[in-house]
Amino acid sequence: MAKTQLNVRVDEGTAQAARERALARGVSVNRYIEELVQRDAAEVGRSFVDAAADFMKSYASVFAEELDAAGAGERNPGSGAGSPPAA
């Protein structure tokens, strides 16, 4: 993968902390910062998926009612079709 140079300015304390943590992990400061950003981006994605799952769980009964109302004449009653899976 091609690399792009990114220049940032941080205070000396932050720079020293980055150097020390990178050294402790046995990686370059560049690699350390890259890993931090990647980890942060993954957490944002996970947070979105978790929030979406919570939303779906919270409103599952509303969705089920809407689906049941929309398809009431098209299903065989008692077949279980359209029912949300048990959580």
C-alpha atoms as a PDB file:
ATOM      1  CA  MET A   1       0.000   0.000   0.000  1.00  0.00           C
ATOM      2  CA  ALA A   2       1.313   3.423  -0.913  1.00  0.00           C
ATOM      3  CA  LYS A   3       2.186   5.692   1.971  1.00  0.00           C
ATOM      4  CA  THR A   4       1.323   9.365   2.259  1.00  0.00           C
ATOM      5  CA  GLN A   5       3.303  11.757   4.379  1.00  0.00           C
ATOM      6  CA  LEU A   6       1.319  13.590   7.037  1.00  0.00           C
ATOM      7  CA  ASN A   7       2.917  16.315   9.124  1.00  0.00           C
ATOM      8  CA  VAL A   8       1.372  17.197  12.466  1.00  0.00           C
ATOM      9  CA  ARG A   9       2.319  19.558  15.248  1.00  0.00           C
ATOM     10  CA  VAL A  10       1.990  18.455  18.857  1.00  0.00           C
ATOM     11  CA  ASP A  11       3.366  19.773  22.110  1.00  0.00           C
ATOM     12  CA  GLU A  12       6.673  18.348  23.313  1.00  0.00           C
ATOM     13  CA  GLY A  13       5.023  16.260  26.034  1.00  0.00           C
ATOM     14  CA  THR A  14       2.799  14.512  23.487  1.00  0.00           C
ATOM     15  CA  ALA A  15       5.738  13.967  21.143  1.00  0.00           C
ATOM     16  CA  GLN A  16       7.825  12.462  23.952  1.00  0.00           C
ATOM     17  CA  ALA A  17       4.954  10.202  25.032  1.00  0.00           C
ATOM     18  CA  ALA A  18       4.569   8.979  21.446  1.00  0.00           C
ATOM     19  CA  ARG A  19       8.302   8.257  21.188  1.00  0.00           C
ATOM     20  CA  GLU A  20       8.337   6.371  24.502  1.00  0.00           C
ATOM     21  CA  ARG A  21       5.249   4.295  23.708  1.00  0.00           C
ATOM     22  CA  ALA A  22       6.531   3.461  20.228  1.00  0.00           C
ATOM     23  CA  LEU A  23       9.885   2.406  21.672  1.00  0.00           C
ATOM     24  CA  ALA A  24       8.165   0.264  24.319  1.00  0.00           C
ATOM     25  CA  ARG A  25       6.166  -1.489  21.588  1.00  0.00           C
ATOM     26  CA  GLY A  26       9.205  -1.900  19.361  1.00  0.00           C
ATOM     27  CA  VAL A  27       7.742   0.100  16.468  1.00  0.00           C
ATOM     28  CA  SER A  28       8.485   3.425  14.837  1.00  0.00           C
ATOM     29  CA  VAL A  29       6.599   6.538  15.886  1.00  0.00           C
ATOM     30  CA  ASN A  30       5.040   6.521  12.413  1.00  0.00           C
ATOM     31  CA  ARG A  31       3.775   2.964  12.875  1.00  0.00           C
ATOM     32  CA  TYR A  32       2.575   3.713  16.408  1.00  0.00           C
ATOM     33  CA  ILE A  33       0.510   6.716  15.232  1.00  0.00           C
ATOM     34  CA  GLU A  34      -0.813   4.742  12.249  1.00  0.00           C
ATOM     35  CA  GLU A  35      -1.985   1.946  14.578  1.00  0.00           C
ATOM     36  CA  LEU A  36      -3.683   4.450  16.896  1.00  0.00           C
ATOM     37  CA  VAL A  37      -5.645   5.973  14.020  1.00  0.00           C
ATOM     38  CA  GLN A  38      -6.610   2.559  12.640  1.00  0.00           C
ATOM     39  CA  ARG A  39      -7.760   1.394  16.069  1.00  0.00           C
ATOM     40  CA  ASP A  40      -9.792   4.579  16.549  1.00  0.00           C
ATOM     41  CA  ALA A  41     -11.438   4.188  13.133  1.00  0.00           C
ATOM     42  CA  ALA A  42     -12.337   0.565  13.923  1.00  0.00           C
ATOM     43  CA  GLU A  43     -13.896   1.609  17.232  1.00  0.00           C
ATOM     44  CA  VAL A  44     -16.079   4.160  15.444  1.00  0.00           C
ATOM     45  CA  GLY A  45     -17.275   1.455  13.063  1.00  0.00           C
ATOM     46  CA  ARG A  46     -17.973  -0.915  15.938  1.00  0.00           C
ATOM     47  CA  SER A  47     -19.838   1.810  17.810  1.00  0.00           C
ATOM     48  CA  PHE A  48     -22.043   2.419  14.771  1.00  0.00           C
ATOM     49  CA  VAL A  49     -22.860  -1.281  14.390  1.00  0.00           C
ATOM     50  CA  ASP A  50     -23.576  -1.608  18.116  1.00  0.00           C
ATOM     51  CA  ALA A  51     -25.861   1.435  18.037  1.00  0.00           C
ATOM     52  CA  ALA A  52     -27.694   0.095  14.986  1.00  0.00           C
ATOM     53  CA  ALA A  53     -28.172  -3.276  16.691  1.00  0.00           C
ATOM     54  CA  ASP A  54     -29.521  -1.577  19.823  1.00  0.00           C
ATOM     55  CA  PHE A  55     -31.910   0.471  17.688  1.00  0.00           C
ATOM     56  CA  MET A  56     -33.180  -2.615  15.881  1.00  0.00           C
ATOM     57  CA  LYS A  57     -33.607  -4.463  19.170  1.00  0.00           C
ATOM     58  CA  SER A  58     -35.470  -1.548  20.752  1.00  0.00           C
ATOM     59  CA  TYR A  59     -37.878  -1.212  17.840  1.00  0.00           C
ATOM     60  CA  ALA A  60     -38.206  -4.884  16.847  1.00  0.00           C
ATOM     61  CA  SER A  61     -41.812  -5.051  18.016  1.00  0.00           C
ATOM     62  CA  VAL A  62     -42.731  -1.937  16.039  1.00  0.00           C
ATOM     63  CA  PHE A  63     -41.132  -3.369  12.899  1.00  0.00           C
ATOM     64  CA  ALA A  64     -42.869  -6.712  13.452  1.00  0.00           C
ATOM     65  CA  GLU A  65     -46.248  -5.003  13.853  1.00  0.00           C
ATOM     66  CA  GLU A  66     -45.722  -3.021  10.644  1.00  0.00           C
ATOM     67  CA  LEU A  67     -44.677  -6.110   8.715  1.00  0.00           C
ATOM     68  CA  ASP A  68     -47.622  -8.088  10.103  1.00  0.00           C
ATOM     69  CA  ALA A  69     -50.048  -5.303   9.179  1.00  0.00           C
ATOM     70  CA  ALA A  70     -48.604  -4.955   5.682  1.00  0.00           C
ATOM     71  CA  GLY A  71     -48.681  -8.665   4.917  1.00  0.00           C
ATOM     72  CA  ALA A  72     -51.687  -9.838   6.964  1.00  0.00           C
ATOM     73  CA  GLY A  73     -53.648 -11.022   3.913  1.00  0.00           C
ATOM     74  CA  GLU A  74     -50.659 -12.592   2.176  1.00  0.00           C
ATOM     75  CA  ARG A  75     -49.517 -15.108   4.805  1.00  0.00           C
ATOM     76  CA  ASN A  76     -50.816 -18.317   6.189  1.00  0.00           C
ATOM     77  CA  PRO A  77     -51.710 -17.518   9.830  1.00  0.00           C
ATOM     78  CA  GLY A  78     -49.722 -19.510  12.325  1.00  0.00           C
ATOM     79  CA  SER A  79     -46.918 -20.265   9.878  1.00  0.00           C
ATOM     80  CA  GLY A  80     -44.516 -18.017  11.767  1.00  0.00           C
ATOM     81  CA  ALA A  81     -43.442 -16.312   8.545  1.00  0.00           C
ATOM     82  CA  GLY A  82     -42.500 -12.694   9.112  1.00  0.00           C
ATOM     83  CA  SER A  83     -41.968 -13.122  12.826  1.00  0.00           C
ATOM     84  CA  PRO A  84     -38.690 -11.730  14.087  1.00  0.00           C
ATOM     85  CA  PRO A  85     -36.220 -14.320  15.365  1.00  0.00           C
ATOM     86  CA  ALA A  86     -36.098 -14.772  19.119  1.00  0.00           C
ATOM     87  CA  ALA A  87     -33.336 -12.725  20.719  1.00  0.00           C
END
